[in-house]
Amino acid sequence: QVRLVESGGGSVQSGGSLRLSCVASGYTHNNYYIGWFRQAPGKEREGVATIYVATGDTNYADSVKGRFTISQDNAKNTVYLQMSSLQPEDTAMYYCAAIAMRGSWPFEFALANLRASGYWGQGTQVTVSS
């Protein structure tokens, strides 16, 4: 069974940085995607970034390009989301999700599949104050 555990959230001031971690267990291959999503109160869940573990290919939402970096450490079965230049509008609960899917697919296609059929972690809260 696939299990995802996020950590690394916290409170920072505007302009600060945080690194989130998502430990994925249960996969016996590396043909899967990990995506980071976030959801602020009263808003829809937004896909932030994805990584295809087999190749390391990454994609980002326009709202975080240049500020967030998704990366992986295969030895630790961990995907990271390095967040820099954080702004109050980045405040949200952040979730990672995973789905077995072979091949490099467009960002929105990967997000749709993660939303519909992915395994999800419990989330970690990020709060950015001005």
Protein backbone atom coordinates (compact mmCIF):
# COMPACT_ATOMS: atom_id res chain seq x y z
CA GLN A 1 0.00 0.00 0.00
CA VAL A 2 1.23 3.46 -0.93
CA ARG A 3 1.66 5.89 1.93
CA LEU A 4 2.69 9.53 1.83
CA VAL A 5 3.85 11.59 4.77
CA GLU A 6 4.46 15.34 4.51
CA SER A 7 6.49 17.48 6.86
CA GLY A 8 8.28 20.78 6.98
CA GLY A 9 5.44 23.26 7.19
CA GLY A 10 5.50 26.19 9.57
CA SER A 11 5.15 29.93 9.92
CA VAL A 12 7.48 32.36 8.19
CA GLN A 13 7.54 36.03 7.34
CA SER A 14 7.08 37.37 3.86
CA GLY A 15 10.20 36.79 1.80
CA GLY A 16 11.20 33.74 3.81
CA SER A 17 11.77 30.15 2.77
CA LEU A 18 10.60 26.70 3.75
CA ARG A 19 11.32 23.21 2.51
CA LEU A 20 8.55 20.65 2.54
CA SER A 21 9.22 16.94 2.41
CA CYS A 22 7.05 14.09 1.16
CA VAL A 23 8.16 10.57 2.00
CA ALA A 24 6.56 8.01 -0.28
CA SER A 25 6.48 4.33 0.62
CA GLY A 26 4.92 1.33 -1.06
CA TYR A 27 6.09 1.72 -4.66
CA THR A 28 8.29 -1.06 -6.05
CA HIS A 29 9.10 0.87 -9.24
CA ASN A 30 9.77 4.51 -10.11
CA ASN A 31 7.16 5.09 -12.81
CA TYR A 32 5.06 7.39 -10.76
CA TYR A 33 4.35 11.07 -10.31
CA ILE A 34 4.48 13.07 -7.13
CA GLY A 35 2.57 16.31 -7.08
CA TRP A 36 2.38 19.10 -4.55
CA PHE A 37 -0.99 20.79 -4.10
CA ARG A 38 -2.16 23.53 -1.80
CA GLN A 39 -5.52 24.63 -0.51
CA ALA A 40 -6.29 27.87 1.25
CA PRO A 41 -9.53 28.33 3.23
CA GLY A 42 -12.44 28.92 0.90
CA LYS A 43 -10.40 28.24 -2.22
CA GLU A 44 -10.05 25.29 -4.57
CA ARG A 45 -7.12 22.95 -4.30
CA GLU A 46 -4.36 24.21 -6.59
CA GLY A 47 -1.71 22.07 -8.22
CA VAL A 48 1.68 23.62 -7.53
CA ALA A 49 4.33 21.30 -8.97
CA THR A 50 4.88 17.78 -10.22
CA ILE A 51 7.83 15.48 -10.69
CA TYR A 52 8.02 12.26 -12.67
CA VAL A 53 10.21 10.13 -10.45
CA ALA A 54 11.58 7.92 -13.25
CA THR A 55 13.20 10.83 -15.08
CA GLY A 56 13.11 13.78 -12.69
CA ASP A 57 11.05 15.83 -15.15
CA THR A 58 9.35 18.71 -13.36
CA ASN A 59 6.51 21.13 -14.01
CA TYR A 60 5.19 24.13 -12.11
CA ALA A 61 2.16 26.32 -11.83
CA ASP A 62 2.74 29.85 -13.14
CA SER A 63 2.04 31.22 -9.68
CA VAL A 64 5.17 29.58 -8.24
CA LYS A 65 7.59 29.43 -11.17
CA GLY A 66 10.96 30.85 -10.23
CA ARG A 67 10.18 30.67 -6.51
CA PHE A 68 9.46 26.98 -5.83
CA THR A 69 11.61 23.99 -6.76
CA ILE A 70 10.49 20.36 -6.65
CA SER A 71 13.23 17.75 -6.36
CA GLN A 72 13.75 14.17 -5.29
CA ASP A 73 16.12 12.01 -3.30
CA ASN A 74 15.52 8.49 -4.55
CA ALA A 75 17.67 6.94 -1.83
CA LYS A 76 15.30 8.39 0.76
CA ASN A 77 12.08 7.94 -1.28
CA THR A 78 11.54 11.63 -0.64
CA VAL A 79 10.31 14.50 -2.78
CA TYR A 80 10.98 18.04 -1.64
CA LEU A 81 9.33 21.35 -2.34
CA GLN A 82 11.76 24.18 -1.73
CA MET A 83 9.78 27.39 -1.39
CA SER A 84 11.49 30.76 -1.53
CA SER A 85 10.32 34.37 -1.62
CA LEU A 86 7.18 33.30 0.17
CA GLN A 87 4.24 35.68 0.18
CA PRO A 88 1.07 35.80 2.28
CA GLU A 89 -0.88 34.41 -0.67
CA ASP A 90 1.19 31.22 -0.40
CA THR A 91 -0.50 30.52 2.93
CA ALA A 92 -2.32 27.19 2.63
CA MET A 93 -2.38 23.57 3.62
CA TYR A 94 0.10 21.79 1.38
CA TYR A 95 -0.44 18.20 0.30
CA CYS A 96 1.57 15.74 -1.70
CA ALA A 97 -0.08 13.15 -3.89
CA ALA A 98 1.21 10.21 -5.91
CA ILE A 99 0.02 8.13 -8.82
CA ALA A 100 1.59 5.35 -10.84
CA MET A 101 1.78 6.62 -14.40
CA ARG A 102 4.41 5.81 -17.01
CA GLY A 103 5.79 8.47 -19.32
CA SER A 104 6.21 12.23 -19.40
CA TRP A 105 2.82 13.90 -19.54
CA PRO A 106 1.69 17.54 -19.63
CA PHE A 107 1.35 19.29 -16.30
CA GLU A 108 -2.44 19.61 -16.30
CA PHE A 109 -2.87 15.98 -17.34
CA ALA A 110 -0.69 14.81 -14.45
CA LEU A 111 -2.57 17.06 -12.03
CA ALA A 112 -5.95 15.76 -13.20
CA ASN A 113 -4.88 12.17 -12.70
CA LEU A 114 -3.44 12.91 -9.27
CA ARG A 115 -6.67 14.61 -8.23
CA ALA A 116 -8.87 11.82 -9.53
CA SER A 117 -6.91 8.74 -8.55
CA GLY A 118 -3.89 9.65 -6.49
CA TYR A 119 -2.82 8.66 -3.03
CA TRP A 120 -2.70 11.64 -0.68
CA GLY A 121 -0.83 12.62 2.42
CA GLN A 122 -2.34 14.29 5.45
CA GLY A 123 -1.03 17.77 4.62
CA THR A 124 1.26 20.27 6.27
CA GLN A 125 0.33 23.87 7.03
CA VAL A 126 2.31 26.81 5.65
CA THR A 127 1.57 30.27 7.01
CA VAL A 128 3.25 33.38 5.64
CA SER A 129 2.82 36.64 7.50
CA SER A 130 3.39 40.09 6.04
